[in-house]
Structures are given as C-alpha cells and as structure tokens.
N, C-alpha and C. Protein backbone atom coordinates (compact mmCIF):
# COMPACT_ATOMS: atom_id res chain seq x y z
N MET A 1 0.84 -1.18 0.00
CA MET A 1 0.00 0.00 0.00
C MET A 1 0.89 1.24 0.00
N MET A 2 0.56 2.19 -0.88
CA MET A 2 1.37 3.40 -0.99
C MET A 2 0.96 4.40 0.08
N ALA A 3 1.92 5.19 0.50
CA ALA A 3 1.64 6.22 1.50
C ALA A 3 0.86 7.36 0.85
N ASP A 4 0.03 8.01 1.64
CA ASP A 4 -0.74 9.14 1.17
C ASP A 4 0.20 10.34 1.03
N THR A 5 0.39 10.82 -0.19
CA THR A 5 1.32 11.92 -0.43
C THR A 5 0.61 13.24 -0.67
N ARG A 6 -0.71 13.26 -0.48
CA ARG A 6 -1.45 14.51 -0.69
C ARG A 6 -1.02 15.55 0.34
N GLN A 7 -0.93 16.78 -0.10
CA GLN A 7 -0.60 17.88 0.79
C GLN A 7 -1.88 18.44 1.41
N PRO A 8 -1.84 18.84 2.66
CA PRO A 8 -3.03 19.43 3.26
C PRO A 8 -3.33 20.78 2.62
N ALA A 9 -4.58 21.19 2.74
CA ALA A 9 -4.98 22.51 2.25
C ALA A 9 -4.13 23.56 2.96
N PRO A 10 -3.89 24.71 2.34
CA PRO A 10 -3.00 25.70 2.94
C PRO A 10 -3.49 26.23 4.28
N PHE A 11 -4.78 26.15 4.55
CA PHE A 11 -5.32 26.69 5.80
C PHE A 11 -6.50 25.84 6.19
N GLU A 12 -6.29 24.82 7.01
CA GLU A 12 -7.38 23.93 7.39
C GLU A 12 -7.36 23.72 8.90
N PRO A 13 -8.04 24.59 9.64
CA PRO A 13 -8.07 24.44 11.09
C PRO A 13 -8.83 23.18 11.48
N ILE A 14 -8.41 22.58 12.56
CA ILE A 14 -9.06 21.37 13.07
C ILE A 14 -9.96 21.76 14.24
N SER A 15 -11.12 21.12 14.30
CA SER A 15 -12.07 21.44 15.36
C SER A 15 -11.51 21.02 16.71
N ALA A 16 -12.02 21.65 17.75
CA ALA A 16 -11.55 21.39 19.11
C ALA A 16 -11.76 19.94 19.52
N ASP A 17 -12.81 19.29 19.04
CA ASP A 17 -13.08 17.91 19.44
C ASP A 17 -12.37 16.90 18.54
N GLY A 18 -11.67 17.37 17.51
CA GLY A 18 -10.92 16.48 16.64
C GLY A 18 -11.74 15.72 15.62
N ASP A 19 -13.03 16.03 15.50
CA ASP A 19 -13.90 15.30 14.57
C ASP A 19 -13.82 15.79 13.14
N GLY A 20 -13.15 16.87 12.88
CA GLY A 20 -13.06 17.38 11.52
C GLY A 20 -12.87 18.88 11.51
N PRO A 21 -12.84 19.44 10.32
CA PRO A 21 -12.62 20.88 10.23
C PRO A 21 -13.76 21.66 10.88
N GLU A 22 -13.42 22.77 11.50
CA GLU A 22 -14.45 23.64 12.08
C GLU A 22 -14.74 24.77 11.11
N LEU A 23 -15.84 25.44 11.34
CA LEU A 23 -16.16 26.60 10.51
C LEU A 23 -15.18 27.72 10.82
N VAL A 24 -14.68 28.34 9.79
CA VAL A 24 -13.79 29.47 9.95
C VAL A 24 -14.51 30.69 9.42
N TRP A 25 -14.86 31.61 10.31
CA TRP A 25 -15.52 32.84 9.90
C TRP A 25 -14.43 33.85 9.58
N LEU A 26 -14.43 34.34 8.36
CA LEU A 26 -13.43 35.30 7.94
C LEU A 26 -13.81 36.70 8.43
N ALA A 27 -12.86 37.38 9.03
CA ALA A 27 -13.09 38.72 9.55
C ALA A 27 -12.64 39.75 8.53
N SER A 28 -13.39 40.81 8.43
CA SER A 28 -13.05 41.86 7.46
C SER A 28 -11.74 42.54 7.82
N THR A 29 -11.37 42.50 9.09
CA THR A 29 -10.13 43.16 9.50
C THR A 29 -8.88 42.37 9.12
N GLY A 30 -8.98 41.05 9.01
CA GLY A 30 -7.80 40.25 8.72
C GLY A 30 -7.79 39.62 7.34
N THR A 31 -8.81 39.89 6.55
CA THR A 31 -8.94 39.26 5.24
C THR A 31 -8.97 40.33 4.17
N ARG A 32 -8.17 40.12 3.12
CA ARG A 32 -8.10 41.11 2.05
C ARG A 32 -8.37 40.44 0.70
N PHE A 33 -9.40 40.91 0.01
CA PHE A 33 -9.71 40.45 -1.34
C PHE A 33 -9.22 41.50 -2.33
N PHE A 34 -8.67 41.05 -3.45
CA PHE A 34 -8.24 41.98 -4.49
C PHE A 34 -8.14 41.24 -5.81
N ARG A 35 -8.09 41.99 -6.90
CA ARG A 35 -7.97 41.42 -8.25
C ARG A 35 -6.50 41.35 -8.64
N THR A 36 -6.16 40.26 -9.32
CA THR A 36 -4.82 40.14 -9.89
C THR A 36 -4.77 40.97 -11.17
N PRO A 37 -3.59 41.20 -11.72
CA PRO A 37 -3.51 41.98 -12.98
C PRO A 37 -4.32 41.39 -14.12
N ILE A 38 -4.57 40.07 -14.09
CA ILE A 38 -5.38 39.47 -15.17
C ILE A 38 -6.85 39.32 -14.77
N GLY A 39 -7.23 39.92 -13.65
CA GLY A 39 -8.65 39.99 -13.27
C GLY A 39 -9.17 38.88 -12.38
N MET A 40 -8.32 37.99 -11.91
CA MET A 40 -8.77 36.91 -11.02
C MET A 40 -8.92 37.46 -9.60
N LEU A 41 -9.91 36.93 -8.86
CA LEU A 41 -10.10 37.33 -7.47
C LEU A 41 -9.12 36.55 -6.60
N ARG A 42 -8.40 37.27 -5.75
CA ARG A 42 -7.40 36.68 -4.87
C ARG A 42 -7.73 37.06 -3.43
N VAL A 43 -7.28 36.23 -2.47
CA VAL A 43 -7.53 36.53 -1.07
C VAL A 43 -6.27 36.26 -0.25
N THR A 44 -6.07 37.08 0.76
CA THR A 44 -5.05 36.84 1.78
C THR A 44 -5.76 36.86 3.11
N ILE A 45 -5.55 35.80 3.92
CA ILE A 45 -6.25 35.65 5.19
C ILE A 45 -5.26 35.74 6.34
N ASP A 46 -5.40 36.76 7.14
CA ASP A 46 -4.59 36.96 8.35
C ASP A 46 -3.10 36.78 8.11
N GLY A 47 -2.63 37.01 6.92
CA GLY A 47 -1.21 36.82 6.63
C GLY A 47 -0.77 35.36 6.68
N ARG A 48 -1.70 34.43 6.95
CA ARG A 48 -1.36 33.00 7.05
C ARG A 48 -1.60 32.26 5.76
N CYS A 49 -2.49 32.77 4.95
CA CYS A 49 -2.89 32.05 3.75
C CYS A 49 -3.11 33.06 2.64
N SER A 50 -2.55 32.75 1.48
CA SER A 50 -2.80 33.58 0.31
C SER A 50 -3.18 32.65 -0.82
N CYS A 51 -4.32 32.90 -1.41
CA CYS A 51 -4.83 32.04 -2.47
C CYS A 51 -4.90 32.85 -3.75
N LEU A 52 -4.23 32.35 -4.80
CA LEU A 52 -4.13 33.09 -6.05
C LEU A 52 -5.43 33.17 -6.82
N ARG A 53 -6.30 32.18 -6.66
CA ARG A 53 -7.60 32.20 -7.32
C ARG A 53 -8.61 31.68 -6.34
N VAL A 54 -9.62 32.49 -6.08
CA VAL A 54 -10.61 32.13 -5.08
C VAL A 54 -11.97 31.94 -5.75
N VAL A 55 -12.74 31.01 -5.20
CA VAL A 55 -14.08 30.70 -5.70
C VAL A 55 -15.08 31.03 -4.60
N LEU A 56 -16.09 31.81 -4.94
CA LEU A 56 -17.12 32.20 -3.97
C LEU A 56 -18.43 31.52 -4.31
N ARG A 57 -19.13 31.01 -3.30
CA ARG A 57 -20.45 30.41 -3.49
C ARG A 57 -21.34 30.80 -2.32
N ARG A 58 -22.60 31.03 -2.65
CA ARG A 58 -23.58 31.34 -1.62
C ARG A 58 -24.04 30.05 -0.96
N VAL A 59 -24.00 30.00 0.37
CA VAL A 59 -24.47 28.82 1.08
C VAL A 59 -26.00 28.76 1.05
N PHE A 60 -26.64 29.91 1.14
CA PHE A 60 -28.11 30.01 1.07
C PHE A 60 -28.47 30.99 -0.04
N PRO A 61 -28.34 30.57 -1.32
CA PRO A 61 -28.48 31.51 -2.43
C PRO A 61 -29.86 32.13 -2.59
N LEU A 62 -30.90 31.47 -2.16
CA LEU A 62 -32.25 32.01 -2.34
C LEU A 62 -32.71 32.84 -1.14
N ARG A 63 -32.56 32.31 0.04
CA ARG A 63 -33.10 32.94 1.23
C ARG A 63 -32.20 34.07 1.76
N HIS A 64 -30.88 33.86 1.72
CA HIS A 64 -29.93 34.85 2.25
C HIS A 64 -28.75 35.00 1.30
N PRO A 65 -28.95 35.64 0.16
CA PRO A 65 -27.87 35.70 -0.84
C PRO A 65 -26.63 36.48 -0.40
N TRP A 66 -26.75 37.35 0.59
CA TRP A 66 -25.60 38.15 1.03
C TRP A 66 -25.11 37.75 2.42
N ARG A 67 -25.51 36.58 2.88
CA ARG A 67 -25.03 36.05 4.16
C ARG A 67 -24.43 34.68 3.93
N CYS A 68 -23.46 34.34 4.71
CA CYS A 68 -22.83 33.02 4.70
C CYS A 68 -22.34 32.65 3.29
N ILE A 69 -21.27 33.31 2.88
CA ILE A 69 -20.67 33.08 1.57
C ILE A 69 -19.40 32.26 1.75
N SER A 70 -19.33 31.14 1.06
CA SER A 70 -18.18 30.25 1.15
C SER A 70 -17.03 30.78 0.29
N VAL A 71 -15.84 30.75 0.85
CA VAL A 71 -14.62 31.16 0.14
C VAL A 71 -13.73 29.92 0.05
N ALA A 72 -13.45 29.50 -1.18
CA ALA A 72 -12.65 28.28 -1.39
C ALA A 72 -11.55 28.56 -2.40
N ASP A 73 -10.54 27.69 -2.39
CA ASP A 73 -9.51 27.79 -3.42
C ASP A 73 -10.05 27.16 -4.70
N GLU A 74 -9.30 27.27 -5.79
CA GLU A 74 -9.82 26.77 -7.07
C GLU A 74 -10.01 25.26 -7.09
N GLY A 75 -9.41 24.54 -6.16
CA GLY A 75 -9.60 23.10 -6.06
C GLY A 75 -10.81 22.71 -5.24
N GLY A 76 -11.47 23.71 -4.63
CA GLY A 76 -12.68 23.44 -3.85
C GLY A 76 -12.46 23.35 -2.36
N ALA A 77 -11.22 23.45 -1.89
CA ALA A 77 -10.96 23.41 -0.45
C ALA A 77 -11.43 24.72 0.18
N GLU A 78 -12.35 24.60 1.13
CA GLU A 78 -12.90 25.80 1.75
C GLU A 78 -11.88 26.46 2.66
N LEU A 79 -11.72 27.76 2.47
CA LEU A 79 -10.80 28.55 3.29
C LEU A 79 -11.53 29.18 4.46
N GLY A 80 -12.81 29.47 4.28
CA GLY A 80 -13.59 30.07 5.34
C GLY A 80 -14.92 30.58 4.81
N LEU A 81 -15.65 31.23 5.69
CA LEU A 81 -16.99 31.74 5.36
C LEU A 81 -17.08 33.21 5.73
N ILE A 82 -17.78 33.95 4.89
CA ILE A 82 -18.12 35.33 5.20
C ILE A 82 -19.52 35.28 5.80
N GLU A 83 -19.64 35.73 7.04
CA GLU A 83 -20.94 35.63 7.71
C GLU A 83 -21.95 36.63 7.14
N ARG A 84 -21.56 37.91 7.08
CA ARG A 84 -22.45 38.94 6.56
C ARG A 84 -21.65 39.88 5.68
N LEU A 85 -22.06 40.03 4.46
CA LEU A 85 -21.34 40.91 3.54
C LEU A 85 -21.42 42.37 3.97
N ASP A 86 -22.49 42.73 4.70
CA ASP A 86 -22.64 44.10 5.19
C ASP A 86 -21.52 44.53 6.13
N ASP A 87 -20.81 43.57 6.72
CA ASP A 87 -19.74 43.89 7.67
C ASP A 87 -18.44 44.31 6.98
N TRP A 88 -18.40 44.23 5.66
CA TRP A 88 -17.17 44.50 4.91
C TRP A 88 -17.23 45.89 4.31
N ASP A 89 -16.06 46.43 3.97
CA ASP A 89 -15.99 47.77 3.38
C ASP A 89 -16.61 47.76 1.98
N PRO A 90 -17.06 48.93 1.51
CA PRO A 90 -17.76 49.00 0.22
C PRO A 90 -16.95 48.46 -0.96
N ALA A 91 -15.66 48.69 -1.01
CA ALA A 91 -14.84 48.21 -2.13
C ALA A 91 -14.80 46.68 -2.16
N THR A 92 -14.65 46.07 -0.98
CA THR A 92 -14.62 44.61 -0.91
C THR A 92 -15.98 44.02 -1.24
N ARG A 93 -17.05 44.65 -0.73
CA ARG A 93 -18.41 44.20 -1.05
C ARG A 93 -18.63 44.21 -2.55
N ALA A 94 -18.16 45.25 -3.21
CA ALA A 94 -18.33 45.35 -4.67
C ALA A 94 -17.58 44.24 -5.39
N LEU A 95 -16.34 43.93 -4.96
CA LEU A 95 -15.57 42.83 -5.57
C LEU A 95 -16.29 41.50 -5.41
N ILE A 96 -16.77 41.24 -4.20
CA ILE A 96 -17.44 39.97 -3.92
C ILE A 96 -18.75 39.87 -4.70
N ALA A 97 -19.53 40.95 -4.71
CA ALA A 97 -20.80 40.94 -5.46
C ALA A 97 -20.56 40.72 -6.94
N GLU A 98 -19.53 41.35 -7.47
CA GLU A 98 -19.19 41.19 -8.90
C GLU A 98 -18.83 39.73 -9.21
N GLU A 99 -18.06 39.11 -8.33
CA GLU A 99 -17.65 37.72 -8.54
C GLU A 99 -18.85 36.77 -8.43
N LEU A 100 -19.73 37.02 -7.48
CA LEU A 100 -20.92 36.18 -7.34
C LEU A 100 -21.85 36.33 -8.54
N GLU A 101 -21.94 37.53 -9.08
CA GLU A 101 -22.81 37.77 -10.24
C GLU A 101 -22.33 36.98 -11.46
N VAL A 102 -21.02 36.80 -11.58
CA VAL A 102 -20.48 36.02 -12.69
C VAL A 102 -20.98 34.58 -12.61
N PHE A 103 -21.03 34.01 -11.40
CA PHE A 103 -21.46 32.62 -11.24
C PHE A 103 -22.98 32.48 -11.29
N TYR A 104 -23.68 33.31 -10.54
CA TYR A 104 -25.13 33.13 -10.42
C TYR A 104 -25.87 33.80 -11.57
N GLY A 105 -25.50 35.00 -11.92
CA GLY A 105 -25.99 35.69 -13.09
C GLY A 105 -27.45 35.53 -13.45
N THR A 106 -28.34 35.66 -12.51
CA THR A 106 -29.77 35.52 -12.77
C THR A 106 -30.33 36.84 -13.28
N PRO A 107 -30.88 36.88 -14.49
CA PRO A 107 -31.49 38.11 -14.97
C PRO A 107 -32.67 38.52 -14.08
N ARG A 108 -32.77 39.82 -13.82
CA ARG A 108 -33.86 40.35 -13.00
C ARG A 108 -34.94 40.91 -13.92
N ILE A 109 -36.15 40.43 -13.74
CA ILE A 109 -37.28 40.92 -14.53
C ILE A 109 -37.72 42.26 -13.97
N THR A 110 -37.68 43.28 -14.83
CA THR A 110 -38.08 44.63 -14.41
C THR A 110 -39.43 45.04 -14.99
N GLY A 111 -39.91 44.28 -15.96
CA GLY A 111 -41.21 44.56 -16.55
C GLY A 111 -41.74 43.33 -17.28
N ILE A 112 -43.05 43.21 -17.33
CA ILE A 112 -43.69 42.10 -18.03
C ILE A 112 -44.62 42.71 -19.07
N ARG A 113 -44.31 42.43 -20.33
CA ARG A 113 -45.15 42.95 -21.42
C ARG A 113 -46.39 42.09 -21.60
N GLU A 114 -46.18 40.75 -21.45
CA GLU A 114 -47.31 39.84 -21.69
C GLU A 114 -46.99 38.47 -21.10
N ILE A 115 -48.01 37.82 -20.57
CA ILE A 115 -47.96 36.41 -20.22
C ILE A 115 -49.23 35.81 -20.79
N LYS A 116 -49.08 34.75 -21.60
CA LYS A 116 -50.29 34.13 -22.15
C LYS A 116 -50.14 32.61 -22.12
N ALA A 117 -51.26 31.94 -21.92
CA ALA A 117 -51.30 30.48 -21.86
C ALA A 117 -51.32 29.92 -23.28
N GLU A 118 -50.47 28.90 -23.50
CA GLU A 118 -50.41 28.22 -24.79
C GLU A 118 -50.19 26.73 -24.57
N PHE A 119 -51.24 25.92 -24.68
CA PHE A 119 -51.15 24.45 -24.61
C PHE A 119 -50.43 23.95 -23.36
N GLY A 120 -50.80 24.44 -22.20
CA GLY A 120 -50.22 23.99 -20.94
C GLY A 120 -48.93 24.70 -20.56
N PHE A 121 -48.47 25.60 -21.41
CA PHE A 121 -47.28 26.40 -21.12
C PHE A 121 -47.70 27.86 -21.02
N PHE A 122 -46.84 28.66 -20.41
CA PHE A 122 -47.08 30.10 -20.34
C PHE A 122 -45.95 30.80 -21.07
N PHE A 123 -46.31 31.61 -22.05
CA PHE A 123 -45.35 32.40 -22.79
C PHE A 123 -45.15 33.72 -22.05
N TRP A 124 -43.92 34.04 -21.72
CA TRP A 124 -43.58 35.28 -21.02
C TRP A 124 -42.82 36.19 -21.98
N ASP A 125 -43.25 37.42 -22.11
CA ASP A 125 -42.53 38.45 -22.85
C ASP A 125 -42.13 39.50 -21.81
N THR A 126 -40.83 39.57 -21.50
CA THR A 126 -40.39 40.39 -20.36
C THR A 126 -39.30 41.38 -20.76
N VAL A 127 -39.05 42.29 -19.85
CA VAL A 127 -37.91 43.19 -19.91
C VAL A 127 -37.07 42.87 -18.68
N THR A 128 -35.77 42.63 -18.87
CA THR A 128 -34.89 42.31 -17.75
C THR A 128 -33.78 43.35 -17.68
N ASP A 129 -32.97 43.24 -16.63
CA ASP A 129 -31.82 44.13 -16.50
C ASP A 129 -30.77 43.85 -17.57
N ARG A 130 -30.97 42.80 -18.36
CA ARG A 130 -30.06 42.44 -19.45
C ARG A 130 -30.74 42.54 -20.81
N GLY A 131 -31.85 43.25 -20.86
CA GLY A 131 -32.56 43.43 -22.12
C GLY A 131 -33.83 42.60 -22.19
N PRO A 132 -34.53 42.67 -23.32
CA PRO A 132 -35.79 41.91 -23.46
C PRO A 132 -35.54 40.41 -23.52
N ARG A 133 -36.44 39.65 -22.90
CA ARG A 133 -36.36 38.19 -22.91
C ARG A 133 -37.75 37.62 -23.13
N GLN A 134 -37.81 36.59 -23.95
CA GLN A 134 -39.05 35.85 -24.16
C GLN A 134 -38.74 34.39 -23.86
N PHE A 135 -39.65 33.75 -23.12
CA PHE A 135 -39.42 32.36 -22.74
C PHE A 135 -40.74 31.70 -22.38
N TYR A 136 -40.70 30.37 -22.28
CA TYR A 136 -41.86 29.57 -21.90
C TYR A 136 -41.64 28.97 -20.52
N VAL A 137 -42.73 28.93 -19.74
CA VAL A 137 -42.72 28.33 -18.41
C VAL A 137 -43.81 27.28 -18.40
N LYS A 138 -43.48 26.08 -17.89
CA LYS A 138 -44.47 25.01 -17.79
C LYS A 138 -45.18 25.10 -16.45
N GLY A 139 -46.49 25.09 -16.50
CA GLY A 139 -47.29 25.09 -15.28
C GLY A 139 -47.28 26.43 -14.57
N ARG A 140 -48.06 26.47 -13.50
CA ARG A 140 -48.19 27.72 -12.74
C ARG A 140 -47.33 27.72 -11.49
N THR A 141 -47.48 26.71 -10.66
CA THR A 141 -46.90 26.79 -9.32
C THR A 141 -45.48 26.26 -9.20
N GLU A 142 -45.16 25.18 -9.89
CA GLU A 142 -43.85 24.57 -9.66
C GLU A 142 -42.69 25.37 -10.23
N ASN A 143 -42.93 26.25 -11.19
CA ASN A 143 -41.85 27.01 -11.82
C ASN A 143 -41.91 28.51 -11.58
N VAL A 144 -42.88 28.94 -10.81
CA VAL A 144 -42.94 30.33 -10.36
C VAL A 144 -43.07 30.23 -8.84
N ARG A 145 -41.95 30.44 -8.16
CA ARG A 145 -41.91 30.21 -6.71
C ARG A 145 -41.62 31.47 -5.94
N SER A 146 -42.22 31.55 -4.78
CA SER A 146 -41.96 32.65 -3.87
C SER A 146 -40.61 32.43 -3.20
N ALA A 147 -39.82 33.49 -3.10
CA ALA A 147 -38.52 33.41 -2.42
C ALA A 147 -38.45 34.52 -1.38
N GLY A 148 -39.55 34.78 -0.74
CA GLY A 148 -39.65 35.85 0.25
C GLY A 148 -41.00 36.52 0.11
N ALA A 149 -41.22 37.53 0.91
CA ALA A 149 -42.52 38.19 0.94
C ALA A 149 -42.90 38.82 -0.39
N ASP A 150 -41.94 39.37 -1.12
CA ASP A 150 -42.25 40.12 -2.34
C ASP A 150 -41.37 39.69 -3.52
N ARG A 151 -40.68 38.58 -3.38
CA ARG A 151 -39.69 38.14 -4.38
C ARG A 151 -40.14 36.83 -5.02
N LEU A 152 -39.97 36.72 -6.35
CA LEU A 152 -40.32 35.51 -7.07
C LEU A 152 -39.13 35.00 -7.88
N LEU A 153 -39.03 33.69 -8.00
CA LEU A 153 -38.07 33.05 -8.90
C LEU A 153 -38.85 32.30 -9.95
N VAL A 154 -38.46 32.48 -11.20
CA VAL A 154 -39.15 31.88 -12.33
C VAL A 154 -38.14 31.00 -13.06
N THR A 155 -38.53 29.74 -13.36
CA THR A 155 -37.67 28.83 -14.11
C THR A 155 -38.37 28.47 -15.41
N ASP A 156 -37.68 28.70 -16.53
CA ASP A 156 -38.30 28.41 -17.82
C ASP A 156 -38.09 26.96 -18.24
N VAL A 157 -38.61 26.58 -19.40
CA VAL A 157 -38.54 25.19 -19.85
C VAL A 157 -37.11 24.73 -20.15
N GLU A 158 -36.19 25.66 -20.31
CA GLU A 158 -34.78 25.31 -20.54
C GLU A 158 -33.97 25.39 -19.27
N ASN A 159 -34.65 25.49 -18.12
CA ASN A 159 -34.04 25.59 -16.79
C ASN A 159 -33.23 26.86 -16.57
N CYS A 160 -33.52 27.90 -17.33
CA CYS A 160 -32.93 29.21 -17.06
C CYS A 160 -33.76 29.86 -15.97
N ARG A 161 -33.08 30.51 -15.03
CA ARG A 161 -33.80 31.15 -13.93
C ARG A 161 -33.85 32.65 -14.12
N TYR A 162 -34.94 33.23 -13.66
CA TYR A 162 -35.15 34.67 -13.67
C TYR A 162 -35.64 35.07 -12.28
N GLU A 163 -35.34 36.28 -11.89
CA GLU A 163 -35.76 36.76 -10.58
C GLU A 163 -36.62 38.01 -10.74
N ILE A 164 -37.67 38.06 -9.95
CA ILE A 164 -38.43 39.31 -9.78
C ILE A 164 -38.14 39.73 -8.34
N PRO A 165 -37.19 40.66 -8.15
CA PRO A 165 -36.75 40.99 -6.79
C PRO A 165 -37.84 41.61 -5.92
N ALA A 166 -38.73 42.38 -6.53
CA ALA A 166 -39.82 43.00 -5.77
C ALA A 166 -41.04 43.13 -6.68
N VAL A 167 -42.01 42.26 -6.46
CA VAL A 167 -43.25 42.30 -7.26
C VAL A 167 -43.90 43.68 -7.12
N SER A 168 -43.85 44.24 -5.92
CA SER A 168 -44.48 45.54 -5.67
C SER A 168 -43.84 46.67 -6.46
N ALA A 169 -42.60 46.48 -6.91
CA ALA A 169 -41.91 47.52 -7.68
C ALA A 169 -42.27 47.48 -9.17
N LEU A 170 -42.93 46.40 -9.61
CA LEU A 170 -43.35 46.31 -11.01
C LEU A 170 -44.47 47.31 -11.29
N SER A 171 -44.61 47.69 -12.54
CA SER A 171 -45.71 48.57 -12.93
C SER A 171 -47.04 47.85 -12.72
N ARG A 172 -48.10 48.61 -12.70
CA ARG A 172 -49.43 48.02 -12.51
C ARG A 172 -49.75 47.02 -13.62
N SER A 173 -49.42 47.37 -14.87
CA SER A 173 -49.72 46.47 -15.99
C SER A 173 -48.89 45.18 -15.89
N SER A 174 -47.64 45.27 -15.40
CA SER A 174 -46.82 44.07 -15.21
C SER A 174 -47.42 43.17 -14.13
N ARG A 175 -47.87 43.77 -13.03
CA ARG A 175 -48.48 42.98 -11.95
C ARG A 175 -49.77 42.32 -12.44
N GLN A 176 -50.52 42.99 -13.30
CA GLN A 176 -51.75 42.40 -13.84
C GLN A 176 -51.41 41.19 -14.70
N CYS A 177 -50.36 41.28 -15.50
CA CYS A 177 -49.92 40.11 -16.31
C CYS A 177 -49.55 38.95 -15.38
N LEU A 178 -48.88 39.26 -14.31
CA LEU A 178 -48.39 38.24 -13.38
C LEU A 178 -49.53 37.50 -12.69
N GLU A 179 -50.67 38.13 -12.54
CA GLU A 179 -51.81 37.51 -11.88
C GLU A 179 -52.25 36.23 -12.57
N LEU A 180 -51.98 36.10 -13.85
CA LEU A 180 -52.35 34.89 -14.60
C LEU A 180 -51.65 33.64 -14.08
N VAL A 181 -50.44 33.79 -13.54
CA VAL A 181 -49.68 32.62 -13.10
C VAL A 181 -49.56 32.52 -11.58
N LEU A 182 -50.11 33.45 -10.86
CA LEU A 182 -50.02 33.39 -9.39
C LEU A 182 -51.30 32.88 -8.77
C-alpha cells in the first residue's frame, strides 16, 4: 500500500473535538480580497494564507444571498466563510458581489409585457436588466416560486432562472400580467 502523499490545504483548522474541520468565519479586519492583474479574485487571510484564485459560493443563495458566503480555493478546499457581507468595506463588497454575479448571473425581470397560456405552457414576454427576454414556463406553481414576501423566482422550460426581486416595484400592468400565473 502506498503512502498518502497529498498535501493538506493551505489553511485547514481542526475542530476542538478532533472530529473534523471547524467553521472558519473570515473577519473583514484580517482578510483582504483583491484582483490580480489578469482579473482573477485573490484573497489573503490573516497573513497565514494567500490564495491566487478564489471561488465564492452562496451557502443560502435564495433565502440569504448576502449572508454566509463560502470562500474556497480553485480546487474546492474551503478557506472560510463570510458571515455577513454588510460587515465588509464597500470596495470589498463590490468585488465579492461582482464575482458572485459572474457565477449566479440571474437576470432580473423589471417589466412584463405579456404572459399568455399556450397548450399547458405560459409564454412570457419580459424586460430584464439584461434586455428583453421571451421564454416559456411550464405550469403555474412549480416554476414560479416565492422566495420571500415580495420576491419571485421563475424557471423556464430550458431551466434558465429569472428573478423578480420586488413584485411591488413592477408597474401596474406588469403585476396584472403576473396575476395569470399566481
């Protein structure tokens, strides 16, 4: 049997009870995020760990998109967690939000021109923050879901997701179109 020659992750604290890694909450005072000259997101943690390429993922992407953000190296080894993005300075928040947008990139519906039923599907003609979009949604309830008091997530037949961040912010005519599927 060959010996295990894998190197440990550059920063992997062990839990007090020895059962495995513990959660590491990254503090804004000891953690620095910045872009490399070629645009990659990099992090330095308390001067103990520097990762040339960092991967960010939301632990609770629907319910709490700006809380509990996982920070990992490009191999997937978790370096730590950001508890609340609000605790960080504006420049760092902007870097992190920009990086998350690249991965999640859900278009936000800002207006609905029309929703009409067609043979068990609903045709949506919308305006998003990325321009006009037209798509089909199957059914009413399973693909138009509430994600909070005033927020909806819509999944089309090609599994593309769209967000309506605030139904109340839509125009009256857009809300009337939406009534067909709610």
